Amino acid sequence: MESSSWDVSSWTSPSESSLPSMTGSGTYFVSCSVEMPLSDDCEKVTKALLADHSWENGLDIQSLEVSSPGVNDVLEHDRAFEAFRSFPVVVTFKEPHPTHGLNLQGNLVDRDETFVRVRRGGRVFKLERASVQEVRLVPAEDGDNL
């Protein structure tokens, strides 16, 4: 019985050319980790692995584990800002904001090169990115009534 483990965090989209090679026959226990997962990333990796390493090639995949450390609470990349539009967030400023103080809690509208936009109480606040230290997702139990 062989065991293979690898990190697929560099995959932008799994394809046959990016999959690790498993050849020969035998029983495999396959484990991989998806860093910075969003929506259906783990499912895509699972389907790509099963499609490429099929039973017809003499492989007996007894266990296939595709996991992730979960989504980071701090939104840093464009992909995360797109995926979490309308979710409750807390914006922390580098310096106290004249109107909002150090933090503003609301629902994420979007982010572009210049601004982060957050909706609170029906009003959209346009915040300069240069003044924002971080944008963090609010845990579900804390953000239910925004």
N, C-alpha and C. Protein backbone atom coordinates (compact mmCIF):
# COMPACT_ATOMS: atom_id res chain seq x y z
N MET A 1 0.85 -1.17 0.00
CA MET A 1 0.00 0.00 0.00
C MET A 1 0.90 1.23 0.00
N GLU A 2 0.63 2.15 -0.93
CA GLU A 2 1.41 3.37 -1.02
C GLU A 2 0.60 4.54 -0.48
N SER A 3 1.30 5.58 -0.07
CA SER A 3 0.64 6.80 0.41
C SER A 3 1.25 7.99 -0.30
N SER A 4 0.40 8.84 -0.83
CA SER A 4 0.88 10.05 -1.51
C SER A 4 0.23 11.26 -0.87
N SER A 5 0.99 12.32 -0.73
CA SER A 5 0.47 13.55 -0.18
C SER A 5 1.15 14.71 -0.87
N TRP A 6 0.41 15.73 -1.27
CA TRP A 6 1.00 16.90 -1.91
C TRP A 6 0.12 18.11 -1.69
N ASP A 7 0.65 19.26 -1.94
CA ASP A 7 -0.04 20.53 -1.74
C ASP A 7 -0.44 21.08 -3.10
N VAL A 8 -1.71 21.38 -3.27
CA VAL A 8 -2.19 21.89 -4.56
C VAL A 8 -2.47 23.39 -4.50
N SER A 9 -1.87 24.09 -3.54
CA SER A 9 -2.17 25.51 -3.35
C SER A 9 -1.78 26.37 -4.55
N SER A 10 -0.85 25.90 -5.37
CA SER A 10 -0.44 26.71 -6.52
C SER A 10 -1.33 26.51 -7.73
N TRP A 11 -2.27 25.58 -7.67
CA TRP A 11 -3.15 25.35 -8.81
C TRP A 11 -4.08 26.53 -8.98
N THR A 12 -4.16 27.07 -10.18
CA THR A 12 -5.17 28.09 -10.46
C THR A 12 -6.44 27.42 -10.93
N SER A 13 -6.31 26.37 -11.73
CA SER A 13 -7.42 25.49 -12.06
C SER A 13 -6.81 24.14 -12.38
N PRO A 14 -7.21 23.13 -11.66
CA PRO A 14 -6.61 21.82 -11.86
C PRO A 14 -6.79 21.34 -13.29
N SER A 15 -5.74 20.82 -13.85
CA SER A 15 -5.80 20.23 -15.18
C SER A 15 -4.91 19.01 -15.18
N GLU A 16 -5.02 18.21 -16.22
CA GLU A 16 -4.23 16.98 -16.26
C GLU A 16 -2.74 17.27 -16.16
N SER A 17 -2.29 18.38 -16.76
CA SER A 17 -0.86 18.67 -16.75
C SER A 17 -0.35 19.09 -15.37
N SER A 18 -1.24 19.55 -14.50
CA SER A 18 -0.79 20.00 -13.19
C SER A 18 -0.96 18.95 -12.10
N LEU A 19 -1.57 17.82 -12.45
CA LEU A 19 -1.80 16.80 -11.45
C LEU A 19 -0.54 15.99 -11.19
N PRO A 20 -0.29 15.62 -9.94
CA PRO A 20 0.84 14.75 -9.64
C PRO A 20 0.63 13.41 -10.31
N SER A 21 1.71 12.71 -10.60
CA SER A 21 1.61 11.44 -11.29
C SER A 21 1.54 10.28 -10.31
N MET A 22 0.57 9.42 -10.51
CA MET A 22 0.48 8.17 -9.77
C MET A 22 0.42 7.07 -10.81
N THR A 23 1.43 6.24 -10.86
CA THR A 23 1.48 5.21 -11.88
C THR A 23 1.58 3.84 -11.25
N GLY A 24 1.38 2.84 -12.09
CA GLY A 24 1.46 1.48 -11.60
C GLY A 24 0.15 1.05 -10.98
N SER A 25 0.22 -0.03 -10.27
CA SER A 25 -0.98 -0.50 -9.60
C SER A 25 -0.71 -0.50 -8.11
N GLY A 26 -1.76 -0.59 -7.37
CA GLY A 26 -1.61 -0.60 -5.93
C GLY A 26 -2.74 0.16 -5.27
N THR A 27 -2.68 0.19 -3.97
CA THR A 27 -3.70 0.90 -3.20
C THR A 27 -3.12 2.23 -2.77
N TYR A 28 -3.88 3.29 -2.97
CA TYR A 28 -3.43 4.63 -2.63
C TYR A 28 -4.36 5.26 -1.60
N PHE A 29 -3.75 5.99 -0.68
CA PHE A 29 -4.46 6.87 0.23
C PHE A 29 -3.98 8.26 -0.14
N VAL A 30 -4.85 9.05 -0.73
CA VAL A 30 -4.46 10.34 -1.29
C VAL A 30 -4.97 11.46 -0.40
N SER A 31 -4.10 12.40 -0.07
CA SER A 31 -4.46 13.54 0.76
C SER A 31 -3.89 14.79 0.14
N CYS A 32 -4.69 15.83 0.01
CA CYS A 32 -4.17 17.10 -0.49
C CYS A 32 -4.87 18.25 0.23
N SER A 33 -4.23 19.39 0.24
CA SER A 33 -4.74 20.57 0.93
C SER A 33 -4.92 21.70 -0.07
N VAL A 34 -6.05 22.40 0.01
CA VAL A 34 -6.34 23.54 -0.85
C VAL A 34 -6.22 24.79 0.01
N GLU A 35 -5.20 25.61 -0.27
CA GLU A 35 -5.01 26.85 0.48
C GLU A 35 -5.92 27.93 -0.11
N MET A 36 -6.36 28.86 0.71
CA MET A 36 -7.23 29.96 0.30
C MET A 36 -8.44 29.48 -0.50
N PRO A 37 -9.23 28.54 0.03
CA PRO A 37 -10.35 27.99 -0.72
C PRO A 37 -11.52 28.96 -0.79
N LEU A 38 -12.23 28.92 -1.86
CA LEU A 38 -13.48 29.65 -2.01
C LEU A 38 -14.49 28.72 -2.64
N SER A 39 -15.71 28.87 -2.28
CA SER A 39 -16.87 28.15 -2.80
C SER A 39 -16.57 26.68 -3.09
N ASP A 40 -16.40 26.33 -4.36
CA ASP A 40 -16.31 24.92 -4.73
C ASP A 40 -14.90 24.46 -5.09
N ASP A 41 -13.86 25.12 -4.56
CA ASP A 41 -12.48 24.74 -4.88
C ASP A 41 -12.16 23.30 -4.50
N CYS A 42 -12.56 22.86 -3.32
CA CYS A 42 -12.27 21.49 -2.89
C CYS A 42 -12.98 20.49 -3.79
N GLU A 43 -14.19 20.81 -4.19
CA GLU A 43 -14.93 19.91 -5.09
C GLU A 43 -14.24 19.81 -6.45
N LYS A 44 -13.74 20.93 -6.98
CA LYS A 44 -13.04 20.92 -8.27
C LYS A 44 -11.79 20.06 -8.20
N VAL A 45 -11.03 20.18 -7.11
CA VAL A 45 -9.82 19.39 -6.96
C VAL A 45 -10.17 17.91 -6.87
N THR A 46 -11.20 17.57 -6.11
CA THR A 46 -11.62 16.17 -5.98
C THR A 46 -11.98 15.60 -7.34
N LYS A 47 -12.80 16.31 -8.11
CA LYS A 47 -13.21 15.82 -9.43
C LYS A 47 -12.02 15.67 -10.37
N ALA A 48 -11.08 16.62 -10.33
CA ALA A 48 -9.90 16.54 -11.19
C ALA A 48 -9.05 15.33 -10.83
N LEU A 49 -8.88 15.08 -9.54
CA LEU A 49 -8.08 13.94 -9.11
C LEU A 49 -8.74 12.62 -9.51
N LEU A 50 -10.03 12.52 -9.31
CA LEU A 50 -10.73 11.29 -9.66
C LEU A 50 -10.77 11.07 -11.16
N ALA A 51 -10.92 12.14 -11.93
CA ALA A 51 -10.97 12.02 -13.38
C ALA A 51 -9.62 11.56 -13.94
N ASP A 52 -8.54 12.10 -13.41
CA ASP A 52 -7.21 11.78 -13.92
C ASP A 52 -6.72 10.43 -13.42
N HIS A 53 -7.04 10.09 -12.20
CA HIS A 53 -6.54 8.86 -11.59
C HIS A 53 -7.69 7.87 -11.46
N SER A 54 -8.20 7.43 -12.58
CA SER A 54 -9.39 6.59 -12.58
C SER A 54 -9.06 5.16 -12.21
N TRP A 55 -10.11 4.44 -11.88
CA TRP A 55 -10.00 3.02 -11.52
C TRP A 55 -9.47 2.20 -12.70
N GLU A 56 -9.70 2.69 -13.92
CA GLU A 56 -9.31 1.94 -15.12
C GLU A 56 -7.79 1.85 -15.26
N ASN A 57 -7.04 2.70 -14.62
CA ASN A 57 -5.58 2.69 -14.71
C ASN A 57 -4.94 1.72 -13.73
N GLY A 58 -5.75 0.88 -13.09
CA GLY A 58 -5.21 -0.08 -12.15
C GLY A 58 -4.97 0.49 -10.77
N LEU A 59 -5.42 1.71 -10.53
CA LEU A 59 -5.25 2.32 -9.21
C LEU A 59 -6.46 2.00 -8.35
N ASP A 60 -6.20 1.71 -7.13
CA ASP A 60 -7.25 1.45 -6.16
C ASP A 60 -7.17 2.57 -5.13
N ILE A 61 -7.96 3.62 -5.33
CA ILE A 61 -7.93 4.74 -4.40
C ILE A 61 -8.91 4.42 -3.27
N GLN A 62 -8.35 4.00 -2.13
CA GLN A 62 -9.16 3.62 -0.99
C GLN A 62 -9.68 4.83 -0.22
N SER A 63 -8.89 5.89 -0.22
CA SER A 63 -9.27 7.07 0.55
C SER A 63 -8.77 8.31 -0.19
N LEU A 64 -9.68 9.24 -0.43
CA LEU A 64 -9.31 10.50 -1.06
C LEU A 64 -9.77 11.61 -0.13
N GLU A 65 -8.81 12.34 0.41
CA GLU A 65 -9.12 13.43 1.34
C GLU A 65 -8.66 14.74 0.72
N VAL A 66 -9.61 15.64 0.49
CA VAL A 66 -9.29 16.98 0.01
C VAL A 66 -9.77 17.92 1.09
N SER A 67 -8.85 18.67 1.66
CA SER A 67 -9.22 19.52 2.78
C SER A 67 -8.63 20.90 2.62
N SER A 68 -9.04 21.79 3.51
CA SER A 68 -8.50 23.15 3.50
C SER A 68 -8.47 23.66 4.93
N PRO A 69 -7.63 24.65 5.18
CA PRO A 69 -7.60 25.23 6.52
C PRO A 69 -8.80 26.14 6.77
N GLY A 70 -9.62 26.36 5.76
CA GLY A 70 -10.76 27.26 5.87
C GLY A 70 -10.41 28.64 5.35
N VAL A 71 -11.40 29.46 5.27
CA VAL A 71 -11.23 30.80 4.74
C VAL A 71 -10.68 31.71 5.82
N ASN A 72 -9.71 32.52 5.45
CA ASN A 72 -9.15 33.50 6.37
C ASN A 72 -10.20 34.57 6.64
N ASP A 73 -10.34 34.99 7.88
CA ASP A 73 -11.31 36.04 8.23
C ASP A 73 -10.94 37.38 7.63
N VAL A 74 -9.65 37.63 7.42
CA VAL A 74 -9.22 38.91 6.86
C VAL A 74 -9.23 38.79 5.34
N LEU A 75 -9.98 39.68 4.69
CA LEU A 75 -10.06 39.68 3.23
C LEU A 75 -8.88 40.44 2.68
N GLU A 76 -8.09 39.80 1.81
CA GLU A 76 -6.89 40.43 1.28
C GLU A 76 -6.85 40.49 -0.23
N HIS A 77 -7.43 39.50 -0.90
CA HIS A 77 -7.30 39.38 -2.34
C HIS A 77 -8.62 39.73 -3.03
N ASP A 78 -8.52 40.19 -4.28
CA ASP A 78 -9.71 40.55 -5.04
C ASP A 78 -10.74 39.43 -5.06
N ARG A 79 -10.25 38.21 -5.21
CA ARG A 79 -11.13 37.05 -5.26
C ARG A 79 -11.98 36.95 -3.99
N ALA A 80 -11.39 37.20 -2.84
CA ALA A 80 -12.13 37.14 -1.58
C ALA A 80 -13.15 38.27 -1.48
N PHE A 81 -12.78 39.47 -1.93
CA PHE A 81 -13.72 40.59 -1.89
C PHE A 81 -14.92 40.33 -2.80
N GLU A 82 -14.70 39.67 -3.92
CA GLU A 82 -15.81 39.33 -4.82
C GLU A 82 -16.69 38.25 -4.20
N ALA A 83 -16.08 37.24 -3.62
CA ALA A 83 -16.83 36.12 -3.06
C ALA A 83 -17.67 36.52 -1.85
N PHE A 84 -17.24 37.53 -1.09
CA PHE A 84 -17.92 37.88 0.15
C PHE A 84 -18.69 39.20 0.07
N ARG A 85 -19.07 39.59 -1.14
CA ARG A 85 -19.94 40.77 -1.28
C ARG A 85 -21.22 40.53 -0.50
N SER A 86 -21.68 41.56 0.18
CA SER A 86 -22.89 41.59 1.01
C SER A 86 -22.73 40.88 2.36
N PHE A 87 -21.57 40.29 2.62
CA PHE A 87 -21.34 39.66 3.92
C PHE A 87 -21.01 40.74 4.97
N PRO A 88 -21.33 40.48 6.23
CA PRO A 88 -20.97 41.42 7.30
C PRO A 88 -19.45 41.46 7.50
N VAL A 89 -18.91 42.68 7.58
CA VAL A 89 -17.48 42.89 7.77
C VAL A 89 -17.24 43.99 8.80
N VAL A 90 -16.02 44.01 9.33
CA VAL A 90 -15.54 45.12 10.15
C VAL A 90 -14.34 45.69 9.42
N VAL A 91 -14.40 46.98 9.13
CA VAL A 91 -13.28 47.69 8.51
C VAL A 91 -12.51 48.36 9.64
N THR A 92 -11.21 48.08 9.72
CA THR A 92 -10.35 48.72 10.71
C THR A 92 -9.47 49.72 9.98
N PHE A 93 -9.44 50.94 10.50
CA PHE A 93 -8.66 52.01 9.88
C PHE A 93 -7.26 52.09 10.47
N LYS A 94 -6.32 52.60 9.69
CA LYS A 94 -4.95 52.79 10.17
C LYS A 94 -4.89 53.85 11.26
N GLU A 95 -5.64 54.89 11.07
CA GLU A 95 -5.77 55.99 12.04
C GLU A 95 -7.25 56.20 12.29
N PRO A 96 -7.64 56.75 13.44
CA PRO A 96 -9.06 56.99 13.68
C PRO A 96 -9.69 57.83 12.55
N HIS A 97 -10.79 57.33 12.02
CA HIS A 97 -11.54 58.02 10.96
C HIS A 97 -12.35 59.14 11.61
N PRO A 98 -12.47 60.32 10.97
CA PRO A 98 -13.20 61.43 11.60
C PRO A 98 -14.66 61.11 11.93
N THR A 99 -15.30 60.24 11.15
CA THR A 99 -16.70 59.91 11.38
C THR A 99 -16.89 58.57 12.08
N HIS A 100 -16.05 57.59 11.77
CA HIS A 100 -16.28 56.21 12.21
C HIS A 100 -15.35 55.75 13.33
N GLY A 101 -14.38 56.53 13.72
CA GLY A 101 -13.43 56.08 14.73
C GLY A 101 -12.46 55.07 14.13
N LEU A 102 -12.09 54.04 14.89
CA LEU A 102 -11.13 53.04 14.41
C LEU A 102 -11.78 51.93 13.59
N ASN A 103 -13.09 51.69 13.76
CA ASN A 103 -13.77 50.58 13.08
C ASN A 103 -15.10 51.01 12.51
N LEU A 104 -15.48 50.36 11.43
CA LEU A 104 -16.82 50.51 10.85
C LEU A 104 -17.33 49.12 10.54
N GLN A 105 -18.50 48.79 11.09
CA GLN A 105 -19.10 47.49 10.81
C GLN A 105 -20.26 47.68 9.87
N GLY A 106 -20.37 46.83 8.85
CA GLY A 106 -21.45 46.90 7.89
C GLY A 106 -21.36 45.72 6.94
N ASN A 107 -22.04 45.81 5.80
CA ASN A 107 -22.02 44.75 4.80
C ASN A 107 -21.17 45.19 3.62
N LEU A 108 -20.26 44.32 3.18
CA LEU A 108 -19.34 44.63 2.09
C LEU A 108 -20.12 44.84 0.79
N VAL A 109 -19.85 45.95 0.13
CA VAL A 109 -20.43 46.23 -1.19
C VAL A 109 -19.42 45.84 -2.26
N ASP A 110 -18.22 46.43 -2.22
CA ASP A 110 -17.17 46.06 -3.16
C ASP A 110 -15.87 46.75 -2.79
N ARG A 111 -14.84 46.50 -3.62
CA ARG A 111 -13.54 47.14 -3.47
C ARG A 111 -12.98 47.33 -4.87
N ASP A 112 -12.38 48.49 -5.09
CA ASP A 112 -11.67 48.74 -6.34
C ASP A 112 -10.28 49.27 -6.01
N GLU A 113 -9.58 49.83 -6.99
CA GLU A 113 -8.21 50.30 -6.76
C GLU A 113 -8.13 51.41 -5.72
N THR A 114 -9.21 52.17 -5.56
CA THR A 114 -9.18 53.36 -4.71
C THR A 114 -10.01 53.24 -3.44
N PHE A 115 -11.15 52.55 -3.51
CA PHE A 115 -12.10 52.56 -2.39
C PHE A 115 -12.56 51.17 -1.98
N VAL A 116 -12.94 51.09 -0.70
CA VAL A 116 -13.72 49.96 -0.17
C VAL A 116 -15.08 50.55 0.15
N ARG A 117 -16.14 49.88 -0.29
CA ARG A 117 -17.50 50.37 -0.03
C ARG A 117 -18.22 49.40 0.90
N VAL A 118 -18.83 49.98 1.95
CA VAL A 118 -19.53 49.20 2.97
C VAL A 118 -20.90 49.83 3.18
N ARG A 119 -21.92 48.97 3.25
CA ARG A 119 -23.29 49.45 3.49
C ARG A 119 -23.63 49.24 4.96
N ARG A 120 -24.18 50.29 5.56
CA ARG A 120 -24.64 50.20 6.95
C ARG A 120 -25.93 51.00 7.06
N GLY A 121 -26.98 50.33 7.52
CA GLY A 121 -28.26 51.01 7.70
C GLY A 121 -28.79 51.65 6.43
N GLY A 122 -28.61 51.03 5.30
CA GLY A 122 -29.13 51.56 4.04
C GLY A 122 -28.23 52.59 3.37
N ARG A 123 -27.17 52.97 4.02
CA ARG A 123 -26.24 53.97 3.48
C ARG A 123 -24.92 53.31 3.08
N VAL A 124 -24.38 53.68 1.92
CA VAL A 124 -23.10 53.14 1.47
C VAL A 124 -22.00 54.13 1.80
N PHE A 125 -20.98 53.64 2.52
CA PHE A 125 -19.82 54.45 2.87
C PHE A 125 -18.67 54.10 1.93
N LYS A 126 -18.08 55.12 1.34
CA LYS A 126 -16.96 54.98 0.40
C LYS A 126 -15.70 55.33 1.17
N LEU A 127 -14.88 54.30 1.44
CA LEU A 127 -13.70 54.47 2.29
C LEU A 127 -12.43 54.34 1.46
N GLU A 128 -11.52 55.29 1.61
CA GLU A 128 -10.27 55.23 0.86
C GLU A 128 -9.45 54.02 1.30
N ARG A 129 -8.99 53.22 0.32
CA ARG A 129 -8.19 52.04 0.64
C ARG A 129 -6.92 52.39 1.40
N ALA A 130 -6.36 53.52 1.09
CA ALA A 130 -5.11 53.94 1.75
C ALA A 130 -5.31 54.12 3.25
N SER A 131 -6.54 54.39 3.70
CA SER A 131 -6.79 54.59 5.12
C SER A 131 -7.23 53.31 5.84
N VAL A 132 -7.44 52.23 5.08
CA VAL A 132 -7.94 50.98 5.65
C VAL A 132 -6.79 50.05 5.99
N GLN A 133 -6.76 49.60 7.23
CA GLN A 133 -5.75 48.63 7.66
C GLN A 133 -6.16 47.22 7.26
N GLU A 134 -7.43 46.85 7.54
CA GLU A 134 -7.91 45.52 7.17
C GLU A 134 -9.42 45.51 7.07
N VAL A 135 -9.91 44.52 6.32
CA VAL A 135 -11.34 44.24 6.24
C VAL A 135 -11.49 42.79 6.69
N ARG A 136 -12.28 42.60 7.74
CA ARG A 136 -12.40 41.27 8.36
C ARG A 136 -13.86 40.83 8.35
N LEU A 137 -14.09 39.55 8.01
CA LEU A 137 -15.44 38.99 8.09
C LEU A 137 -15.89 38.96 9.54
N VAL A 138 -17.17 39.22 9.76
CA VAL A 138 -17.75 39.17 11.10
C VAL A 138 -18.27 37.75 11.30
N PRO A 139 -17.96 37.11 12.43
CA PRO A 139 -18.52 35.78 12.69
C PRO A 139 -20.04 35.82 12.60
N ALA A 140 -20.66 34.77 12.09
CA ALA A 140 -22.09 34.73 11.82
C ALA A 140 -22.94 35.19 12.99
N GLU A 141 -22.64 34.73 14.19
CA GLU A 141 -23.46 35.10 15.35
C GLU A 141 -23.36 36.59 15.69
N ASP A 142 -22.27 37.26 15.30
CA ASP A 142 -22.11 38.68 15.57
C ASP A 142 -22.72 39.56 14.50
N GLY A 143 -22.86 39.07 13.28
CA GLY A 143 -23.28 39.90 12.16
C GLY A 143 -24.70 39.66 11.69
N ASP A 144 -25.49 38.88 12.43
CA ASP A 144 -26.83 38.51 11.97
C ASP A 144 -27.78 39.68 11.80
N ASN A 145 -27.62 40.75 12.52
CA ASN A 145 -28.61 41.83 12.50
C ASN A 145 -28.10 43.13 11.88
N LEU A 146 -27.15 43.07 10.94
CA LEU A 146 -26.66 44.29 10.32
C LEU A 146 -27.65 44.84 9.33
